[in-house]
PDB file of N, CA and C in Angstrom:
ATOM      1  N   MET A   1      78.498  70.095 149.661  1.00  0.00           N
ATOM      2  CA  MET A   1      79.733  70.824 149.843  1.00  0.00           C
ATOM      3  C   MET A   1      79.866  71.187 151.316  1.00  0.00           C
ATOM      4  N   ASN A   2      81.085  71.164 151.803  1.00  0.00           N
ATOM      5  CA  ASN A   2      81.330  71.595 153.176  1.00  0.00           C
ATOM      6  C   ASN A   2      81.550  73.099 153.219  1.00  0.00           C
ATOM      7  N   ILE A   3      81.001  73.710 154.253  1.00  0.00           N
ATOM      8  CA  ILE A   3      81.154  75.136 154.492  1.00  0.00           C
ATOM      9  C   ILE A   3      81.859  75.304 155.827  1.00  0.00           C
ATOM     10  N   THR A   4      82.913  76.128 155.845  1.00  0.00           N
ATOM     11  CA  THR A   4      83.597  76.442 157.085  1.00  0.00           C
ATOM     12  C   THR A   4      83.406  77.923 157.360  1.00  0.00           C
ATOM     13  N   LEU A   5      82.936  78.236 158.563  1.00  0.00           N
ATOM     14  CA  LEU A   5      82.704  79.617 158.967  1.00  0.00           C
ATOM     15  C   LEU A   5      83.819  80.056 159.905  1.00  0.00           C
ATOM     16  N   TYR A   6      84.415  81.211 159.595  1.00  0.00           N
ATOM     17  CA  TYR A   6      85.462  81.791 160.423  1.00  0.00           C
ATOM     18  C   TYR A   6      85.009  83.151 160.925  1.00  0.00           C
ATOM     19  N   GLU A   7      85.214  83.401 162.209  1.00  0.00           N
ATOM     20  CA  GLU A   7      84.951  84.728 162.767  1.00  0.00           C
ATOM     21  C   GLU A   7      86.258  85.499 162.799  1.00  0.00           C
ATOM     22  N   LYS A   8      86.232  86.708 162.248  1.00  0.00           N
ATOM     23  CA  LYS A   8      87.403  87.586 162.324  1.00  0.00           C
ATOM     24  C   LYS A   8      87.314  88.349 163.632  1.00  0.00           C
ATOM     25  N   MET A   9      88.288  88.118 164.501  1.00  0.00           N
ATOM     26  CA  MET A   9      88.299  88.732 165.810  1.00  0.00           C
ATOM     27  C   MET A   9      88.823  90.170 165.707  1.00  0.00           C
ATOM     28  N   VAL A  10      88.650  90.953 166.752  1.00  0.00           N
ATOM     29  CA  VAL A  10      89.072  92.355 166.770  1.00  0.00           C
ATOM     30  C   VAL A  10      90.567  92.478 166.516  1.00  0.00           C
ATOM     31  N   ASP A  11      91.359  91.519 167.020  1.00  0.00           N
ATOM     32  CA  ASP A  11      92.814  91.579 166.842  1.00  0.00           C
ATOM     33  C   ASP A  11      93.266  91.051 165.479  1.00  0.00           C
ATOM     34  N   GLY A  12      92.303  90.664 164.615  1.00  0.00           N
ATOM     35  CA  GLY A  12      92.625  90.188 163.277  1.00  0.00           C
ATOM     36  C   GLY A  12      92.765  88.677 163.159  1.00  0.00           C
ATOM     37  N   GLU A  13      92.798  87.983 164.276  1.00  0.00           N
ATOM     38  CA  GLU A  13      92.892  86.524 164.249  1.00  0.00           C
ATOM     39  C   GLU A  13      91.590  85.921 163.717  1.00  0.00           C
ATOM     40  N   LEU A  14      91.689  84.735 163.124  1.00  0.00           N
ATOM     41  CA  LEU A  14      90.511  84.016 162.641  1.00  0.00           C
ATOM     42  C   LEU A  14      90.212  82.861 163.576  1.00  0.00           C
ATOM     43  N   GLN A  15      88.949  82.708 163.938  1.00  0.00           N
ATOM     44  CA  GLN A  15      88.511  81.626 164.810  1.00  0.00           C
ATOM     45  C   GLN A  15      87.462  80.807 164.075  1.00  0.00           C
ATOM     46  N   LYS A  16      87.729  79.506 163.896  1.00  0.00           N
ATOM     47  CA  LYS A  16      86.755  78.640 163.242  1.00  0.00           C
ATOM     48  C   LYS A  16      85.575  78.435 164.180  1.00  0.00           C
ATOM     49  N   ILE A  17      84.358  78.708 163.676  1.00  0.00           N
ATOM     50  CA  ILE A  17      83.177  78.556 164.526  1.00  0.00           C
ATOM     51  C   ILE A  17      82.242  77.448 164.049  1.00  0.00           C
ATOM     52  N   SER A  18      82.412  76.998 162.802  1.00  0.00           N
ATOM     53  CA  SER A  18      81.538  75.944 162.307  1.00  0.00           C
ATOM     54  C   SER A  18      82.154  75.310 161.073  1.00  0.00           C
ATOM     55  N   ASP A  19      81.968  74.015 160.963  1.00  0.00           N
ATOM     56  CA  ASP A  19      82.414  73.263 159.794  1.00  0.00           C
ATOM     57  C   ASP A  19      81.376  72.174 159.571  1.00  0.00           C
ATOM     58  N   ARG A  20      80.563  72.351 158.528  1.00  0.00           N
ATOM     59  CA  ARG A  20      79.458  71.412 158.320  1.00  0.00           C
ATOM     60  C   ARG A  20      79.085  71.349 156.846  1.00  0.00           C
ATOM     61  N   PRO A  21      78.466  70.260 156.440  1.00  0.00           N
ATOM     62  CA  PRO A  21      77.995  70.166 155.048  1.00  0.00           C
ATOM     63  C   PRO A  21      76.744  71.022 154.856  1.00  0.00           C
ATOM     64  N   TRP A  22      76.655  71.658 153.686  1.00  0.00           N
ATOM     65  CA  TRP A  22      75.484  72.432 153.307  1.00  0.00           C
ATOM     66  C   TRP A  22      74.928  71.843 152.030  1.00  0.00           C
ATOM     67  N   ASP A  23      73.598  71.891 151.894  1.00  0.00           N
ATOM     68  CA  ASP A  23      72.989  71.414 150.661  1.00  0.00           C
ATOM     69  C   ASP A  23      72.862  72.581 149.674  1.00  0.00           C
ATOM     70  N   GLU A  24      72.364  72.299 148.482  1.00  0.00           N
ATOM     71  CA  GLU A  24      72.263  73.324 147.434  1.00  0.00           C
ATOM     72  C   GLU A  24      71.352  74.476 147.829  1.00  0.00           C
ATOM     73  N   GLN A  25      70.286  74.207 148.581  1.00  0.00           N
ATOM     74  CA  GLN A  25      69.368  75.273 148.990  1.00  0.00           C
ATOM     75  C   GLN A  25      70.060  76.273 149.909  1.00  0.00           C
ATOM     76  N   LEU A  26      70.833  75.778 150.874  1.00  0.00           N
ATOM     77  CA  LEU A  26      71.537  76.697 151.773  1.00  0.00           C
ATOM     78  C   LEU A  26      72.594  77.491 151.020  1.00  0.00           C
ATOM     79  N   ILE A  27      73.305  76.834 150.131  1.00  0.00           N
ATOM     80  CA  ILE A  27      74.339  77.528 149.367  1.00  0.00           C
ATOM     81  C   ILE A  27      73.721  78.605 148.481  1.00  0.00           C
ATOM     82  N   SER A  28      72.595  78.312 147.849  1.00  0.00           N
ATOM     83  CA  SER A  28      71.953  79.319 146.998  1.00  0.00           C
ATOM     84  C   SER A  28      71.408  80.474 147.838  1.00  0.00           C
ATOM     85  N   ALA A  29      71.076  80.244 149.096  1.00  0.00           N
ATOM     86  CA  ALA A  29      70.590  81.316 149.969  1.00  0.00           C
ATOM     87  C   ALA A  29      71.686  82.346 150.256  1.00  0.00           C
ATOM     88  N   LEU A  30      72.943  81.968 150.070  1.00  0.00           N
ATOM     89  CA  LEU A  30      74.043  82.911 150.271  1.00  0.00           C
ATOM     90  C   LEU A  30      73.947  84.094 149.303  1.00  0.00           C
ATOM     91  N   ASN A  31      73.264  83.921 148.177  1.00  0.00           N
ATOM     92  CA  ASN A  31      73.112  84.996 147.198  1.00  0.00           C
ATOM     93  C   ASN A  31      72.266  86.152 147.719  1.00  0.00           C
ATOM     94  N   VAL A  32      71.400  85.897 148.676  1.00  0.00           N
ATOM     95  CA  VAL A  32      70.501  86.940 149.164  1.00  0.00           C
ATOM     96  C   VAL A  32      70.693  87.262 150.641  1.00  0.00           C
ATOM     97  N   ALA A  33      71.460  86.455 151.359  1.00  0.00           N
ATOM     98  CA  ALA A  33      71.663  86.678 152.792  1.00  0.00           C
ATOM     99  C   ALA A  33      72.925  87.503 153.033  1.00  0.00           C
ATOM    100  N   ASN A  34      72.861  88.381 154.001  1.00  0.00           N
ATOM    101  CA  ASN A  34      74.030  89.143 154.437  1.00  0.00           C
ATOM    102  C   ASN A  34      74.453  88.765 155.847  1.00  0.00           C
ATOM    103  N   PHE A  35      73.538  88.136 156.581  1.00  0.00           N
ATOM    104  CA  PHE A  35      73.776  87.812 157.977  1.00  0.00           C
ATOM    105  C   PHE A  35      73.471  86.342 158.235  1.00  0.00           C
ATOM    106  N   LEU A  36      74.167  85.759 159.214  1.00  0.00           N
ATOM    107  CA  LEU A  36      73.955  84.372 159.625  1.00  0.00           C
ATOM    108  C   LEU A  36      73.764  84.313 161.128  1.00  0.00           C
ATOM    109  N   LEU A  37      72.950  83.388 161.583  1.00  0.00           N
ATOM    110  CA  LEU A  37      72.837  83.072 163.004  1.00  0.00           C
ATOM    111  C   LEU A  37      73.484  81.709 163.217  1.00  0.00           C
ATOM    112  N   VAL A  38      74.455  81.647 164.118  1.00  0.00           N
ATOM    113  CA  VAL A  38      75.138  80.394 164.437  1.00  0.00           C
ATOM    114  C   VAL A  38      75.218  80.288 165.950  1.00  0.00           C
ATOM    115  N   ASN A  39      74.650  79.226 166.496  1.00  0.00           N
ATOM    116  CA  ASN A  39      74.648  79.012 167.950  1.00  0.00           C
ATOM    117  C   ASN A  39      74.097  80.220 168.703  1.00  0.00           C
ATOM    118  N   GLY A  40      73.053  80.838 168.147  1.00  0.00           N
ATOM    119  CA  GLY A  40      72.394  81.963 168.803  1.00  0.00           C
ATOM    120  C   GLY A  40      73.115  83.293 168.676  1.00  0.00           C
ATOM    121  N   LYS A  41      74.203  83.346 167.917  1.00  0.00           N
ATOM    122  CA  LYS A  41      74.984  84.577 167.753  1.00  0.00           C
ATOM    123  C   LYS A  41      74.859  85.043 166.302  1.00  0.00           C
ATOM    124  N   GLU A  42      74.679  86.362 166.107  1.00  0.00           N
ATOM    125  CA  GLU A  42      74.501  86.892 164.764  1.00  0.00           C
ATOM    126  C   GLU A  42      75.835  87.402 164.197  1.00  0.00           C
ATOM    127  N   TYR A  43      76.056  87.068 162.916  1.00  0.00           N
ATOM    128  CA  TYR A  43      77.278  87.459 162.217  1.00  0.00           C
ATOM    129  C   TYR A  43      76.916  88.088 160.882  1.00  0.00           C
ATOM    130  N   GLU A  44      77.774  88.993 160.430  1.00  0.00           N
ATOM    131  CA  GLU A  44      77.674  89.523 159.077  1.00  0.00           C
ATOM    132  C   GLU A  44      78.721  88.823 158.221  1.00  0.00           C
ATOM    133  N   MET A  45      78.302  88.387 157.025  1.00  0.00           N
ATOM    134  CA  MET A  45      79.244  87.767 156.097  1.00  0.00           C
ATOM    135  C   MET A  45      79.990  88.871 155.370  1.00  0.00           C
ATOM    136  N   ILE A  46      81.332  88.821 155.401  1.00  0.00           N
ATOM    137  CA  ILE A  46      82.084  89.883 154.736  1.00  0.00           C
ATOM    138  C   ILE A  46      82.826  89.400 153.499  1.00  0.00           C
ATOM    139  N   GLU A  47      83.138  88.121 153.401  1.00  0.00           N
ATOM    140  CA  GLU A  47      83.695  87.593 152.159  1.00  0.00           C
ATOM    141  C   GLU A  47      83.722  86.074 152.199  1.00  0.00           C
ATOM    142  N   GLY A  48      83.850  85.488 151.021  1.00  0.00           N
ATOM    143  CA  GLY A  48      83.907  84.043 150.907  1.00  0.00           C
ATOM    144  C   GLY A  48      85.058  83.630 150.017  1.00  0.00           C
ATOM    145  N   ARG A  49      85.524  82.406 150.240  1.00  0.00           N
ATOM    146  CA  ARG A  49      86.631  81.880 149.439  1.00  0.00           C
ATOM    147  C   ARG A  49      86.355  80.403 149.161  1.00  0.00           C
ATOM    148  N   LEU A  50      86.476  80.031 147.906  1.00  0.00           N
ATOM    149  CA  LEU A  50      86.329  78.636 147.516  1.00  0.00           C
ATOM    150  C   LEU A  50      87.707  77.997 147.570  1.00  0.00           C
ATOM    151  N   ASN A  51      87.901  77.085 148.517  1.00  0.00           N
ATOM    152  CA  ASN A  51      89.185  76.425 148.717  1.00  0.00           C
ATOM    153  C   ASN A  51      89.138  75.073 148.004  1.00  0.00           C
ATOM    154  N   LEU A  52      89.654  75.024 146.791  1.00  0.00           N
ATOM    155  CA  LEU A  52      89.608  73.797 146.006  1.00  0.00           C
ATOM    156  C   LEU A  52      90.570  72.735 146.530  1.00  0.00           C
ATOM    157  N   ASP A  53      91.633  73.151 147.221  1.00  0.00           N
ATOM    158  CA  ASP A  53      92.569  72.184 147.799  1.00  0.00           C
ATOM    159  C   ASP A  53      91.892  71.314 148.845  1.00  0.00           C
ATOM    160  N   LEU A  54      90.984  71.921 149.629  1.00  0.00           N
ATOM    161  CA  LEU A  54      90.280  71.195 150.690  1.00  0.00           C
ATOM    162  C   LEU A  54      88.835  70.868 150.335  1.00  0.00           C
ATOM    163  N   ASN A  55      88.391  71.294 149.139  1.00  0.00           N
ATOM    164  CA  ASN A  55      87.005  71.100 148.710  1.00  0.00           C
ATOM    165  C   ASN A  55      86.017  71.675 149.732  1.00  0.00           C
ATOM    166  N   VAL A  56      86.252  72.933 150.087  1.00  0.00           N
ATOM    167  CA  VAL A  56      85.415  73.594 151.085  1.00  0.00           C
ATOM    168  C   VAL A  56      85.220  75.059 150.689  1.00  0.00           C
ATOM    169  N   PHE A  57      84.050  75.588 151.014  1.00  0.00           N
ATOM    170  CA  PHE A  57      83.763  77.001 150.829  1.00  0.00           C
ATOM    171  C   PHE A  57      83.923  77.661 152.187  1.00  0.00           C
ATOM    172  N   GLU A  58      84.812  78.626 152.302  1.00  0.00           N
ATOM    173  CA  GLU A  58      85.104  79.295 153.568  1.00  0.00           C
ATOM    174  C   GLU A  58      84.445  80.670 153.566  1.00  0.00           C
ATOM    175  N   ILE A  59      83.763  80.998 154.657  1.00  0.00           N
ATOM    176  CA  ILE A  59      83.073  82.277 154.776  1.00  0.00           C
ATOM    177  C   ILE A  59      83.639  83.024 155.977  1.00  0.00           C
ATOM    178  N   LEU A  60      84.024  84.268 155.741  1.00  0.00           N
ATOM    179  CA  LEU A  60      84.561  85.116 156.797  1.00  0.00           C
ATOM    180  C   LEU A  60      83.434  85.960 157.380  1.00  0.00           C
ATOM    181  N   LEU A  61      83.315  85.956 158.702  1.00  0.00           N
ATOM    182  CA  LEU A  61      82.223  86.623 159.407  1.00  0.00           C
ATOM    183  C   LEU A  61      82.762  87.597 160.440  1.00  0.00           C
ATOM    184  N   VAL A  62      81.970  88.601 160.758  1.00  0.00           N
ATOM    185  CA  VAL A  62      82.232  89.473 161.899  1.00  0.00           C
ATOM    186  C   VAL A  62      80.969  89.490 162.765  1.00  0.00           C
ATOM    187  N   THR A  63      81.169  89.668 164.058  1.00  0.00           N
ATOM    188  CA  THR A  63      80.076  89.666 165.025  1.00  0.00           C
ATOM    189  C   THR A  63      79.204  90.909 164.864  1.00  0.00           C
ATOM    190  N   VAL A  64      77.896  90.721 164.972  1.00  0.00           N
ATOM    191  CA  VAL A  64      76.953  91.823 165.005  1.00  0.00           C
ATOM    192  C   VAL A  64      76.541  91.993 166.466  1.00  0.00           C
ATOM    193  N   HIS A  65      76.717  93.191 166.998  1.00  0.00           N
ATOM    194  CA  HIS A  65      76.365  93.448 168.404  1.00  0.00           C
ATOM    195  C   HIS A  65      74.872  93.663 168.532  1.00  0.00           C
ATOM    196  N   SER A  66      74.354  93.441 169.735  1.00  0.00           N
ATOM    197  CA  SER A  66      72.915  93.575 169.985  1.00  0.00           C
ATOM    198  C   SER A  66      72.428  95.004 169.722  1.00  0.00           C
ATOM    199  N   GLU A  67      73.320  95.988 169.766  1.00  0.00           N
ATOM    200  CA  GLU A  67      72.931  97.365 169.479  1.00  0.00           C
ATOM    201  C   GLU A  67      72.822  97.621 167.983  1.00  0.00           C
ATOM    202  N   GLY A  68      73.165  96.596 167.167  1.00  0.00           N
ATOM    203  CA  GLY A  68      73.063  96.747 165.730  1.00  0.00           C
ATOM    204  C   GLY A  68      74.384  97.041 165.047  1.00  0.00           C
ATOM    205  N   GLY A  69      75.430  97.279 165.825  1.00  0.00           N
ATOM    206  CA  GLY A  69      76.732  97.571 165.241  1.00  0.00           C
ATOM    207  C   GLY A  69      77.468  96.302 164.887  1.00  0.00           C
ATOM    208  N   VAL A  70      78.452  96.439 164.020  1.00  0.00           N
ATOM    209  CA  VAL A  70      79.252  95.304 163.580  1.00  0.00           C
ATOM    210  C   VAL A  70      80.639  95.460 164.162  1.00  0.00           C
ATOM    211  N   ASN A  71      81.216  94.361 164.608  1.00  0.00           N
ATOM    212  CA  ASN A  71      82.551  94.342 165.182  1.00  0.00           C
ATOM    213  C   ASN A  71      83.573  94.209 164.068  1.00  0.00           C
ATOM    214  N   ARG A  72      83.916  95.320 163.447  1.00  0.00           N
ATOM    215  CA  ARG A  72      84.897  95.286 162.350  1.00  0.00           C
ATOM    216  C   ARG A  72      86.265  95.641 162.892  1.00  0.00           C
ATOM    217  N   PRO A  73      87.216  94.715 162.656  1.00  0.00           N
ATOM    218  CA  PRO A  73      88.586  94.975 163.109  1.00  0.00           C
ATOM    219  C   PRO A  73      89.223  96.134 162.376  1.00  0.00           C
TER     220      PRO A  73
END
């Protein structure tokens, strides 16, 4: 299955940061993970949507700052 990751920016806009196939092990890890590292940047997963029209699972993320805070719009 393809997974598309979107970062929710402070102004509310969505920015696509990754679009790649995931195997069953990675998808099952979503059940226990709250955070993702992508290109060296940490994100918190805030919601997911199964898009059957495009056959893709979309995950909405917000940036986690180095101080431990989350960038919630």
